[in-house]
Structure formats: C-alpha cells, structure tokens
Amino acid sequence: MSEQHHPNPSEPLGDAPAHDPRGHGYIQDKDEYLKRLRRIEGQARGLQRMVEEEKYCIDILTQVSAMTRALQAVALGLLEDHMSHCVVDAARAGDDAATQAKVKEATDAIARFARS
C-alpha cells in the first residue's frame, strides 16, 4: 500500500472540505496547545545540547521518549478536538457528505498517527 505524498502538508488533500470559518476545534485551547508546544521546543533544544555535550546515550534516549510522549499528547488532544468539534458540527448541520469527509480526515489522521 503506497502512501500518497502531498507537497504541502498544511493544505488539505484532494477534495477535502473547506475548514470551518468560525474556527477549528482546538481554538478554545489554543493557548494551552501553544504552551505545550513551546515546552516541547525547549525539550528539543535540550536534546541538542545533550548531544553537543556528548551525554550518555541512554539519558538522551530517555529524553527523546519524554518528548515523543509530549507530542503524542498534543496529537491526541487535537484529534479529540477535531472529533468533538469539526465532526460533530458537520453531523449537526445534517450534511452527510461533510460529516463523512470529516470522519475520513479523522481516520486518516489516526492511521498516520498509528504509523509513527
């Protein structure tokens, strides 16, 4: 099974529906997401510093694992927000095609997440 490569991952693939102009599901938690991502950014800089300082490999791997868990937590939060906002809103609007498209986006994201 070949994975489709998209030249710009910030743009939707194919016939993906337009995003809700009222905002995305994560907007209400945007500041929290930004805080978490800045913390992860700090972890990445810390990992670089550990390599530069030639720290013990197991200590570096431990920090990589912590950073991976932090990224996974952000991803799961975004997925939950997508399901509870974007998918639910499409279903409430009664637009079966939009609902199916949002569900497909979510399942595709879960598949990408599971492969990582």
N, C-alpha and C. Protein backbone atom coordinates (compact mmCIF):
# COMPACT_ATOMS: atom_id res chain seq x y z
N MET A 1 0.85 -1.17 0.00
CA MET A 1 0.00 0.00 0.00
C MET A 1 0.89 1.22 0.00
N SER A 2 0.77 2.07 -1.01
CA SER A 2 1.63 3.24 -1.09
C SER A 2 0.94 4.43 -0.44
N GLU A 3 1.73 5.20 0.30
CA GLU A 3 1.21 6.39 0.96
C GLU A 3 1.32 7.56 0.00
N GLN A 4 0.23 8.30 -0.14
CA GLN A 4 0.24 9.46 -1.02
C GLN A 4 1.05 10.57 -0.37
N HIS A 5 1.98 11.13 -1.10
CA HIS A 5 2.77 12.24 -0.59
C HIS A 5 2.14 13.53 -1.07
N HIS A 6 1.98 14.44 -0.18
CA HIS A 6 1.39 15.74 -0.51
C HIS A 6 2.49 16.78 -0.35
N PRO A 7 2.70 17.63 -1.35
CA PRO A 7 3.81 18.58 -1.31
C PRO A 7 3.71 19.59 -0.18
N ASN A 8 2.52 19.96 0.24
CA ASN A 8 2.36 20.93 1.32
C ASN A 8 1.42 20.35 2.36
N PRO A 9 1.96 19.79 3.46
CA PRO A 9 1.12 19.12 4.44
C PRO A 9 0.15 20.04 5.16
N SER A 10 0.29 21.35 5.03
CA SER A 10 -0.64 22.25 5.68
C SER A 10 -1.90 22.45 4.85
N GLU A 11 -1.91 21.97 3.60
CA GLU A 11 -3.08 22.09 2.75
C GLU A 11 -3.79 20.75 2.68
N PRO A 12 -5.13 20.76 2.58
CA PRO A 12 -5.86 19.51 2.52
C PRO A 12 -5.56 18.74 1.24
N LEU A 13 -5.72 17.43 1.31
CA LEU A 13 -5.54 16.57 0.15
C LEU A 13 -6.82 16.50 -0.65
N GLY A 14 -6.71 16.38 -1.93
CA GLY A 14 -7.84 16.10 -2.80
C GLY A 14 -9.02 17.03 -2.62
N ASP A 15 -10.17 16.41 -2.42
CA ASP A 15 -11.42 17.17 -2.31
C ASP A 15 -11.81 17.40 -0.86
N ALA A 16 -10.87 17.58 0.01
CA ALA A 16 -11.20 17.81 1.41
C ALA A 16 -12.04 19.07 1.53
N PRO A 17 -13.04 19.05 2.43
CA PRO A 17 -13.91 20.21 2.57
C PRO A 17 -13.16 21.39 3.15
N ALA A 18 -13.68 22.58 2.88
CA ALA A 18 -13.09 23.79 3.45
C ALA A 18 -13.23 23.76 4.96
N HIS A 19 -12.30 24.38 5.64
CA HIS A 19 -12.36 24.42 7.10
C HIS A 19 -13.40 25.42 7.56
N ASP A 20 -13.92 25.17 8.72
CA ASP A 20 -14.97 26.00 9.32
C ASP A 20 -14.45 27.41 9.57
N PRO A 21 -15.09 28.43 8.98
CA PRO A 21 -14.61 29.81 9.17
C PRO A 21 -14.76 30.30 10.60
N ARG A 22 -15.57 29.61 11.41
CA ARG A 22 -15.74 30.01 12.81
C ARG A 22 -14.54 29.60 13.66
N GLY A 23 -13.69 28.79 13.12
CA GLY A 23 -12.51 28.36 13.87
C GLY A 23 -12.46 26.86 13.98
N HIS A 24 -11.32 26.37 14.34
CA HIS A 24 -11.10 24.94 14.50
C HIS A 24 -11.41 24.54 15.93
N GLY A 25 -11.59 23.24 16.14
CA GLY A 25 -11.96 22.74 17.46
C GLY A 25 -10.97 23.07 18.56
N TYR A 26 -9.72 23.23 18.24
CA TYR A 26 -8.71 23.47 19.26
C TYR A 26 -8.63 24.93 19.69
N ILE A 27 -9.34 25.83 19.00
CA ILE A 27 -9.20 27.27 19.24
C ILE A 27 -9.42 27.62 20.71
N GLN A 28 -10.40 26.99 21.34
CA GLN A 28 -10.67 27.33 22.75
C GLN A 28 -9.49 26.94 23.65
N ASP A 29 -8.65 26.02 23.22
CA ASP A 29 -7.48 25.59 24.00
C ASP A 29 -6.17 26.01 23.34
N LYS A 30 -6.25 26.97 22.44
CA LYS A 30 -5.07 27.38 21.65
C LYS A 30 -3.89 27.75 22.55
N ASP A 31 -4.13 28.54 23.58
CA ASP A 31 -3.03 28.97 24.46
C ASP A 31 -2.38 27.78 25.14
N GLU A 32 -3.18 26.80 25.55
CA GLU A 32 -2.64 25.59 26.18
C GLU A 32 -1.80 24.79 25.19
N TYR A 33 -2.29 24.66 23.96
CA TYR A 33 -1.51 23.95 22.94
C TYR A 33 -0.19 24.67 22.68
N LEU A 34 -0.24 26.00 22.57
CA LEU A 34 0.99 26.75 22.33
C LEU A 34 1.97 26.59 23.49
N LYS A 35 1.46 26.58 24.70
CA LYS A 35 2.33 26.40 25.87
C LYS A 35 2.99 25.01 25.83
N ARG A 36 2.21 24.00 25.50
CA ARG A 36 2.76 22.64 25.41
C ARG A 36 3.80 22.54 24.30
N LEU A 37 3.51 23.15 23.14
CA LEU A 37 4.44 23.10 22.02
C LEU A 37 5.73 23.86 22.32
N ARG A 38 5.63 24.95 23.04
CA ARG A 38 6.85 25.68 23.44
C ARG A 38 7.68 24.84 24.41
N ARG A 39 7.00 24.12 25.29
CA ARG A 39 7.72 23.22 26.20
C ARG A 39 8.44 22.13 25.41
N ILE A 40 7.77 21.57 24.40
CA ILE A 40 8.38 20.55 23.54
C ILE A 40 9.56 21.14 22.78
N GLU A 41 9.40 22.37 22.31
CA GLU A 41 10.50 23.06 21.62
C GLU A 41 11.71 23.16 22.55
N GLY A 42 11.46 23.48 23.82
CA GLY A 42 12.55 23.53 24.81
C GLY A 42 13.19 22.17 25.00
N GLN A 43 12.36 21.12 25.00
CA GLN A 43 12.90 19.76 25.11
C GLN A 43 13.81 19.45 23.93
N ALA A 44 13.43 19.87 22.73
CA ALA A 44 14.25 19.63 21.54
C ALA A 44 15.60 20.34 21.67
N ARG A 45 15.56 21.58 22.15
CA ARG A 45 16.83 22.30 22.36
C ARG A 45 17.68 21.59 23.42
N GLY A 46 17.02 21.08 24.44
CA GLY A 46 17.75 20.34 25.48
C GLY A 46 18.40 19.08 24.91
N LEU A 47 17.70 18.40 24.02
CA LEU A 47 18.28 17.22 23.37
C LEU A 47 19.49 17.59 22.53
N GLN A 48 19.40 18.69 21.80
CA GLN A 48 20.54 19.15 21.00
C GLN A 48 21.74 19.41 21.91
N ARG A 49 21.46 20.06 23.02
CA ARG A 49 22.53 20.39 23.97
C ARG A 49 23.15 19.10 24.54
N MET A 50 22.30 18.13 24.84
CA MET A 50 22.82 16.86 25.36
C MET A 50 23.76 16.19 24.37
N VAL A 51 23.40 16.22 23.08
CA VAL A 51 24.26 15.62 22.05
C VAL A 51 25.55 16.42 21.93
N GLU A 52 25.42 17.75 21.91
CA GLU A 52 26.61 18.60 21.82
C GLU A 52 27.57 18.33 22.97
N GLU A 53 27.01 18.09 24.15
CA GLU A 53 27.83 17.85 25.34
C GLU A 53 28.19 16.38 25.52
N GLU A 54 27.82 15.56 24.52
CA GLU A 54 28.15 14.14 24.49
C GLU A 54 27.68 13.41 25.74
N LYS A 55 26.43 13.65 26.11
CA LYS A 55 25.84 12.97 27.27
C LYS A 55 25.64 11.50 26.96
N TYR A 56 25.41 10.73 27.98
CA TYR A 56 25.22 9.29 27.87
C TYR A 56 24.01 8.98 26.99
N CYS A 57 24.17 8.02 26.07
CA CYS A 57 23.14 7.73 25.07
C CYS A 57 21.80 7.36 25.70
N ILE A 58 21.80 6.61 26.76
CA ILE A 58 20.54 6.20 27.40
C ILE A 58 19.83 7.41 27.99
N ASP A 59 20.56 8.37 28.52
CA ASP A 59 19.94 9.59 29.03
C ASP A 59 19.28 10.38 27.90
N ILE A 60 19.93 10.43 26.75
CA ILE A 60 19.36 11.12 25.58
C ILE A 60 18.10 10.39 25.13
N LEU A 61 18.17 9.06 25.05
CA LEU A 61 17.00 8.28 24.63
C LEU A 61 15.83 8.46 25.59
N THR A 62 16.12 8.58 26.86
CA THR A 62 15.06 8.83 27.85
C THR A 62 14.37 10.15 27.57
N GLN A 63 15.14 11.16 27.23
CA GLN A 63 14.55 12.47 26.92
C GLN A 63 13.80 12.45 25.58
N VAL A 64 14.30 11.68 24.61
CA VAL A 64 13.58 11.52 23.34
C VAL A 64 12.22 10.88 23.61
N SER A 65 12.20 9.88 24.46
CA SER A 65 10.95 9.21 24.81
C SER A 65 9.97 10.19 25.47
N ALA A 66 10.46 11.02 26.36
CA ALA A 66 9.61 12.01 27.03
C ALA A 66 9.04 13.01 26.01
N MET A 67 9.87 13.43 25.08
CA MET A 67 9.43 14.37 24.06
C MET A 67 8.40 13.72 23.14
N THR A 68 8.62 12.47 22.80
CA THR A 68 7.67 11.74 21.96
C THR A 68 6.32 11.63 22.66
N ARG A 69 6.31 11.31 23.94
CA ARG A 69 5.05 11.24 24.69
C ARG A 69 4.36 12.59 24.72
N ALA A 70 5.12 13.67 24.85
CA ALA A 70 4.53 15.01 24.88
C ALA A 70 3.89 15.33 23.53
N LEU A 71 4.55 14.99 22.44
CA LEU A 71 3.98 15.22 21.10
C LEU A 71 2.73 14.36 20.89
N GLN A 72 2.77 13.13 21.37
CA GLN A 72 1.60 12.26 21.24
C GLN A 72 0.42 12.83 22.02
N ALA A 73 0.66 13.41 23.18
CA ALA A 73 -0.41 14.02 23.96
C ALA A 73 -1.03 15.19 23.20
N VAL A 74 -0.21 15.99 22.55
CA VAL A 74 -0.73 17.10 21.74
C VAL A 74 -1.56 16.54 20.59
N ALA A 75 -1.05 15.53 19.92
CA ALA A 75 -1.77 14.93 18.79
C ALA A 75 -3.11 14.35 19.23
N LEU A 76 -3.14 13.66 20.34
CA LEU A 76 -4.39 13.08 20.82
C LEU A 76 -5.40 14.17 21.19
N GLY A 77 -4.91 15.24 21.78
CA GLY A 77 -5.79 16.36 22.12
C GLY A 77 -6.39 16.99 20.87
N LEU A 78 -5.56 17.19 19.86
CA LEU A 78 -6.05 17.76 18.60
C LEU A 78 -7.06 16.83 17.92
N LEU A 79 -6.79 15.54 17.98
CA LEU A 79 -7.72 14.58 17.39
C LEU A 79 -9.06 14.60 18.14
N GLU A 80 -9.00 14.65 19.45
CA GLU A 80 -10.23 14.72 20.24
C GLU A 80 -11.01 16.00 19.91
N ASP A 81 -10.29 17.11 19.80
CA ASP A 81 -10.94 18.38 19.44
C ASP A 81 -11.58 18.29 18.05
N HIS A 82 -10.89 17.66 17.11
CA HIS A 82 -11.44 17.51 15.76
C HIS A 82 -12.73 16.70 15.81
N MET A 83 -12.70 15.61 16.55
CA MET A 83 -13.88 14.75 16.63
C MET A 83 -15.04 15.47 17.31
N SER A 84 -14.77 16.14 18.42
CA SER A 84 -15.85 16.73 19.21
C SER A 84 -16.34 18.06 18.65
N HIS A 85 -15.56 18.68 17.76
CA HIS A 85 -15.98 19.96 17.20
C HIS A 85 -16.30 19.82 15.71
N CYS A 86 -15.31 19.52 14.92
CA CYS A 86 -15.47 19.51 13.46
C CYS A 86 -16.43 18.42 13.00
N VAL A 87 -16.25 17.19 13.49
CA VAL A 87 -17.11 16.09 13.07
C VAL A 87 -18.53 16.29 13.61
N VAL A 88 -18.64 16.64 14.88
CA VAL A 88 -19.96 16.84 15.49
C VAL A 88 -20.71 17.99 14.81
N ASP A 89 -20.01 19.09 14.53
CA ASP A 89 -20.67 20.22 13.86
C ASP A 89 -21.17 19.84 12.48
N ALA A 90 -20.40 19.07 11.74
CA ALA A 90 -20.84 18.63 10.41
C ALA A 90 -22.07 17.73 10.53
N ALA A 91 -22.07 16.85 11.53
CA ALA A 91 -23.22 15.97 11.73
C ALA A 91 -24.45 16.76 12.14
N ARG A 92 -24.28 17.73 13.02
CA ARG A 92 -25.41 18.56 13.45
C ARG A 92 -26.00 19.37 12.30
N ALA A 93 -25.14 19.77 11.36
CA ALA A 93 -25.61 20.54 10.21
C ALA A 93 -26.42 19.66 9.25
N GLY A 94 -26.38 18.36 9.46
CA GLY A 94 -27.14 17.44 8.63
C GLY A 94 -26.55 17.21 7.26
N ASP A 95 -25.30 17.56 7.09
CA ASP A 95 -24.63 17.40 5.80
C ASP A 95 -23.86 16.08 5.82
N ASP A 96 -24.47 15.04 5.27
CA ASP A 96 -23.87 13.70 5.31
C ASP A 96 -22.51 13.67 4.62
N ALA A 97 -22.38 14.36 3.50
CA ALA A 97 -21.10 14.35 2.76
C ALA A 97 -20.01 15.03 3.59
N ALA A 98 -20.35 16.16 4.22
CA ALA A 98 -19.36 16.85 5.05
C ALA A 98 -19.00 16.01 6.26
N THR A 99 -19.99 15.36 6.86
CA THR A 99 -19.72 14.50 8.02
C THR A 99 -18.79 13.37 7.63
N GLN A 100 -19.08 12.71 6.51
CA GLN A 100 -18.22 11.62 6.06
C GLN A 100 -16.81 12.11 5.75
N ALA A 101 -16.70 13.31 5.18
CA ALA A 101 -15.37 13.87 4.89
C ALA A 101 -14.60 14.13 6.18
N LYS A 102 -15.28 14.66 7.20
CA LYS A 102 -14.62 14.93 8.48
C LYS A 102 -14.20 13.63 9.17
N VAL A 103 -15.05 12.62 9.10
CA VAL A 103 -14.71 11.32 9.68
C VAL A 103 -13.51 10.73 8.94
N LYS A 104 -13.50 10.87 7.61
CA LYS A 104 -12.35 10.36 6.82
C LYS A 104 -11.07 11.09 7.21
N GLU A 105 -11.15 12.41 7.39
CA GLU A 105 -9.98 13.17 7.84
C GLU A 105 -9.47 12.61 9.16
N ALA A 106 -10.39 12.34 10.08
CA ALA A 106 -10.00 11.82 11.39
C ALA A 106 -9.38 10.42 11.28
N THR A 107 -10.00 9.54 10.49
CA THR A 107 -9.44 8.20 10.36
C THR A 107 -8.09 8.22 9.65
N ASP A 108 -7.93 9.10 8.67
CA ASP A 108 -6.63 9.24 8.01
C ASP A 108 -5.57 9.73 9.00
N ALA A 109 -5.97 10.68 9.86
CA ALA A 109 -5.03 11.20 10.87
C ALA A 109 -4.67 10.10 11.86
N ILE A 110 -5.64 9.29 12.25
CA ILE A 110 -5.37 8.18 13.16
C ILE A 110 -4.42 7.19 12.51
N ALA A 111 -4.62 6.91 11.23
CA ALA A 111 -3.73 5.98 10.53
C ALA A 111 -2.30 6.53 10.49
N ARG A 112 -2.16 7.83 10.20
CA ARG A 112 -0.82 8.43 10.18
C ARG A 112 -0.19 8.36 11.57
N PHE A 113 -1.00 8.66 12.55
CA PHE A 113 -0.53 8.64 13.94
C PHE A 113 -0.09 7.23 14.36
N ALA A 114 -0.86 6.23 13.94
CA ALA A 114 -0.54 4.84 14.30
C ALA A 114 0.75 4.38 13.62
N ARG A 115 1.05 4.90 12.44
CA ARG A 115 2.28 4.51 11.73
C ARG A 115 3.53 5.17 12.33
N SER A 116 3.33 6.23 13.08
CA SER A 116 4.50 6.94 13.59
C SER A 116 5.03 6.35 14.87
